[in-house]
């Protein structure tokens, strides 16, 4: 069996760090893992997409309708990634938007957030919407929003990595002084999904 995860967001949100933690947790469990290179600009404000396959896979790229899980760090980017979602795909999205610099400069428009959410709710059967920014602030630092989403992902049905092994990988990949806040953020995200 191959479990396919697509992560999408913008630079500075921690999508790459989240991908690394998932990959290292899979290796700790003795599973094969392949990960795509980052597509897009990893600098702050640029789009970042990563595909991860856990299991007996050769290529990391995920085709249309093939993702088991989509983790959207930004709602408009979640919307843009929906072509990877199928009938059984679980989609976790942060509801807090980040306005791209192209919108700030008047070069493009950001869709109305209510329209984005309405579209997601009407097109995704297994959708979890979390204000990860708010939850991260409550945990102690807005920068831990990626761990909120990682916790939520870990709580979804069929996620192939146990919570404990993901936490081990977090401890090995995050600065020691930030572990407590990130663990609080992770647990809060986990409970947002597990309690539904």
Protein backbone atom coordinates (compact mmCIF):
# COMPACT_ATOMS: atom_id res chain seq x y z
CA UNK A 1 0.00 0.00 0.00
CA UNK A 2 1.16 3.53 -0.78
CA UNK A 3 -0.11 6.50 1.21
CA UNK A 4 0.01 9.78 -0.71
CA UNK A 5 0.19 13.21 0.92
CA UNK A 6 0.15 16.58 -0.85
CA UNK A 7 1.17 19.66 1.13
CA UNK A 8 0.53 23.15 -0.18
CA UNK A 9 1.06 26.63 1.20
CA UNK A 10 3.22 29.68 0.85
CA UNK A 11 6.84 30.25 1.81
CA UNK A 12 7.39 30.95 5.49
CA UNK A 13 4.52 28.76 6.76
CA UNK A 14 6.64 25.71 7.48
CA UNK A 15 5.43 23.36 4.74
CA UNK A 16 8.95 22.10 4.05
CA UNK A 17 9.68 21.47 7.75
CA UNK A 18 6.38 19.60 8.04
CA UNK A 19 7.27 17.44 5.01
CA UNK A 20 10.67 16.66 6.53
CA UNK A 21 9.11 15.60 9.85
CA UNK A 22 6.60 13.32 8.08
CA UNK A 23 9.38 11.79 5.98
CA UNK A 24 11.66 11.19 8.95
CA UNK A 25 8.80 9.70 11.00
CA UNK A 26 8.12 7.26 8.14
CA UNK A 27 11.82 6.25 8.05
CA UNK A 28 11.77 5.76 11.84
CA UNK A 29 8.87 3.37 11.38
CA UNK A 30 10.87 1.45 8.76
CA UNK A 31 8.72 2.54 5.84
CA UNK A 32 9.97 3.58 2.43
CA UNK A 33 9.34 7.25 1.68
CA UNK A 34 9.83 9.37 -1.43
CA UNK A 35 9.37 13.12 -1.47
CA UNK A 36 9.22 15.58 -4.33
CA UNK A 37 11.41 18.59 -4.53
CA UNK A 38 9.69 21.79 -3.59
CA UNK A 39 7.69 23.22 -6.47
CA UNK A 40 7.42 27.00 -6.47
CA UNK A 41 9.27 29.65 -4.55
CA UNK A 42 10.17 28.72 -1.02
CA UNK A 43 10.86 32.31 -0.05
CA UNK A 44 8.27 34.12 2.04
CA UNK A 45 5.10 34.64 0.05
CA UNK A 46 5.82 32.23 -2.83
CA UNK A 47 3.78 29.08 -3.42
CA UNK A 48 5.25 25.84 -2.02
CA UNK A 49 3.97 22.35 -2.91
CA UNK A 50 5.41 19.03 -1.77
CA UNK A 51 4.29 15.48 -2.58
CA UNK A 52 5.13 12.60 -0.23
CA UNK A 53 4.50 8.91 -0.81
CA UNK A 54 4.90 6.47 2.06
CA UNK A 55 5.22 2.84 1.01
CA UNK A 56 6.54 1.02 -2.02
CA UNK A 57 6.70 3.98 -4.42
CA UNK A 58 9.32 4.95 -6.97
CA UNK A 59 8.12 8.43 -7.95
CA UNK A 60 6.89 11.01 -5.43
CA UNK A 61 4.53 12.81 -7.78
CA UNK A 62 0.81 12.49 -7.08
CA UNK A 63 -1.61 12.41 -10.01
CA UNK A 64 -5.08 13.87 -10.34
CA UNK A 65 -7.51 12.45 -7.82
CA UNK A 66 -4.82 10.27 -6.21
CA UNK A 67 -4.00 11.98 -2.89
CA UNK A 68 -5.01 10.25 0.33
CA UNK A 69 -4.46 13.47 2.25
CA UNK A 70 -4.10 17.13 1.30
CA UNK A 71 -2.72 19.50 3.93
CA UNK A 72 -3.46 23.09 2.91
CA UNK A 73 -1.60 25.76 4.82
CA UNK A 74 -3.48 28.55 3.01
CA UNK A 75 -7.11 28.34 1.78
CA UNK A 76 -6.60 29.57 -1.79
CA UNK A 77 -3.68 27.14 -2.21
CA UNK A 78 -5.88 24.32 -0.86
CA UNK A 79 -8.43 25.26 -3.51
CA UNK A 80 -5.76 25.18 -6.23
CA UNK A 81 -4.72 21.67 -5.15
CA UNK A 82 -8.19 20.11 -5.32
CA UNK A 83 -7.40 18.39 -8.64
CA UNK A 84 -5.31 15.95 -6.55
CA UNK A 85 -8.36 15.10 -4.40
CA UNK A 86 -10.56 12.08 -5.07
CA UNK A 87 -13.74 10.81 -3.46
CA UNK A 88 -11.91 9.37 -0.42
CA UNK A 89 -9.28 12.11 0.04
CA UNK A 90 -9.10 13.80 3.42
CA UNK A 91 -8.46 17.53 3.14
CA UNK A 92 -7.24 19.65 6.03
CA UNK A 93 -7.12 23.37 5.41
CA UNK A 94 -6.06 26.36 7.41
CA UNK A 95 -8.83 28.98 7.22
CA UNK A 96 -6.49 31.95 7.80
CA UNK A 97 -5.51 33.48 4.49
CA UNK A 98 -2.24 35.03 3.41
CA UNK A 99 -2.54 37.77 0.83
CA UNK A 100 0.08 37.19 -1.91
CA UNK A 101 2.26 40.12 -2.92
CA UNK A 102 0.65 40.06 -6.39
CA UNK A 103 -2.67 41.01 -4.73
CA UNK A 104 -1.01 43.67 -2.57
CA UNK A 105 0.46 45.18 -5.76
CA UNK A 106 -2.93 45.09 -7.49
CA UNK A 107 -1.76 42.53 -10.09
CA UNK A 108 -4.36 39.92 -9.11
CA UNK A 109 -7.35 39.43 -6.84
CA UNK A 110 -7.77 37.14 -3.88
CA UNK A 111 -11.10 35.28 -3.99
CA UNK A 112 -13.58 36.04 -1.21
CA UNK A 113 -12.75 33.73 1.71
CA UNK A 114 -16.41 32.77 2.16
CA UNK A 115 -16.54 31.70 -1.50
CA UNK A 116 -13.37 29.61 -1.05
CA UNK A 117 -14.77 27.88 2.03
CA UNK A 118 -18.17 27.32 0.45
CA UNK A 119 -16.55 25.74 -2.61
CA UNK A 120 -14.36 23.48 -0.44
CA UNK A 121 -17.33 22.39 1.69
CA UNK A 122 -19.43 21.58 -1.37
CA UNK A 123 -16.66 19.68 -3.20
CA UNK A 124 -14.82 17.81 -0.44
CA UNK A 125 -16.56 15.05 1.47
CA UNK A 126 -13.82 14.63 4.13
CA UNK A 127 -12.93 18.23 4.96
CA UNK A 128 -11.45 19.62 8.17
CA UNK A 129 -11.23 23.42 8.41
CA UNK A 130 -8.98 24.75 11.18
CA UNK A 131 -7.98 28.32 11.98
CA UNK A 132 -4.41 27.11 12.48
CA UNK A 133 -3.15 30.65 12.98
CA UNK A 134 -5.50 31.20 15.93
CA UNK A 135 -4.75 27.76 17.43
CA UNK A 136 -0.98 28.40 17.06
CA UNK A 137 -1.30 31.77 18.84
CA UNK A 138 -3.19 30.06 21.66
CA UNK A 139 -0.37 27.47 21.88
CA UNK A 140 2.14 30.30 22.31
CA UNK A 141 3.52 31.20 18.87
CA UNK A 142 1.90 31.85 15.48
CA UNK A 143 4.94 30.20 13.84
CA UNK A 144 3.73 26.82 15.15
CA UNK A 145 0.75 26.75 12.77
CA UNK A 146 2.48 24.04 10.75
CA UNK A 147 2.52 21.79 13.82
CA UNK A 148 -1.21 22.45 14.33
CA UNK A 149 -1.81 21.12 10.81
CA UNK A 150 0.60 18.21 11.34
CA UNK A 151 -1.30 17.24 14.49
CA UNK A 152 -4.57 17.41 12.56
CA UNK A 153 -3.10 15.23 9.78
CA UNK A 154 -1.89 12.64 12.30
CA UNK A 155 -5.44 12.33 13.64
CA UNK A 156 -7.06 11.58 10.26
CA UNK A 157 -8.28 8.04 9.57
CA UNK A 158 -5.71 5.78 7.84
CA UNK A 159 -2.76 8.13 8.49
CA UNK A 160 0.13 5.61 8.42
CA UNK A 161 2.24 7.09 11.25
CA UNK A 162 1.46 6.90 14.94
CA UNK A 163 1.32 10.09 16.94
CA UNK A 164 4.28 9.04 19.12
CA UNK A 165 6.61 8.47 16.15
CA UNK A 166 5.65 11.83 14.63
CA UNK A 167 6.40 13.52 17.96
CA UNK A 168 9.83 11.81 18.05
CA UNK A 169 10.58 13.20 14.58
CA UNK A 170 9.40 16.65 15.68
CA UNK A 171 11.80 16.60 18.64
CA UNK A 172 14.68 15.76 16.31
CA UNK A 173 13.83 18.47 13.76
CA UNK A 174 12.75 21.46 15.82
CA UNK A 175 14.87 23.74 18.04
CA UNK A 176 14.85 22.47 21.66
CA UNK A 177 13.58 25.81 22.99
CA UNK A 178 10.53 25.62 20.67
CA UNK A 179 9.51 22.02 21.47
CA UNK A 180 6.96 22.79 24.22
CA UNK A 181 5.02 25.32 22.14
CA UNK A 182 5.13 23.09 19.07
CA UNK A 183 3.91 20.09 21.07
CA UNK A 184 0.99 22.15 22.41
CA UNK A 185 0.19 23.24 18.85
CA UNK A 186 0.44 19.64 17.58
CA UNK A 187 -1.86 18.30 20.32
CA UNK A 188 -4.40 21.08 19.71
CA UNK A 189 -4.50 20.26 16.00
CA UNK A 190 -4.75 16.54 16.75
CA UNK A 191 -7.76 17.12 19.02
CA UNK A 192 -9.50 19.37 16.46
CA UNK A 193 -9.77 16.37 14.12
CA UNK A 194 -10.02 13.53 16.65
CA UNK A 195 -12.91 15.17 18.51
CA UNK A 196 -15.08 15.46 15.35
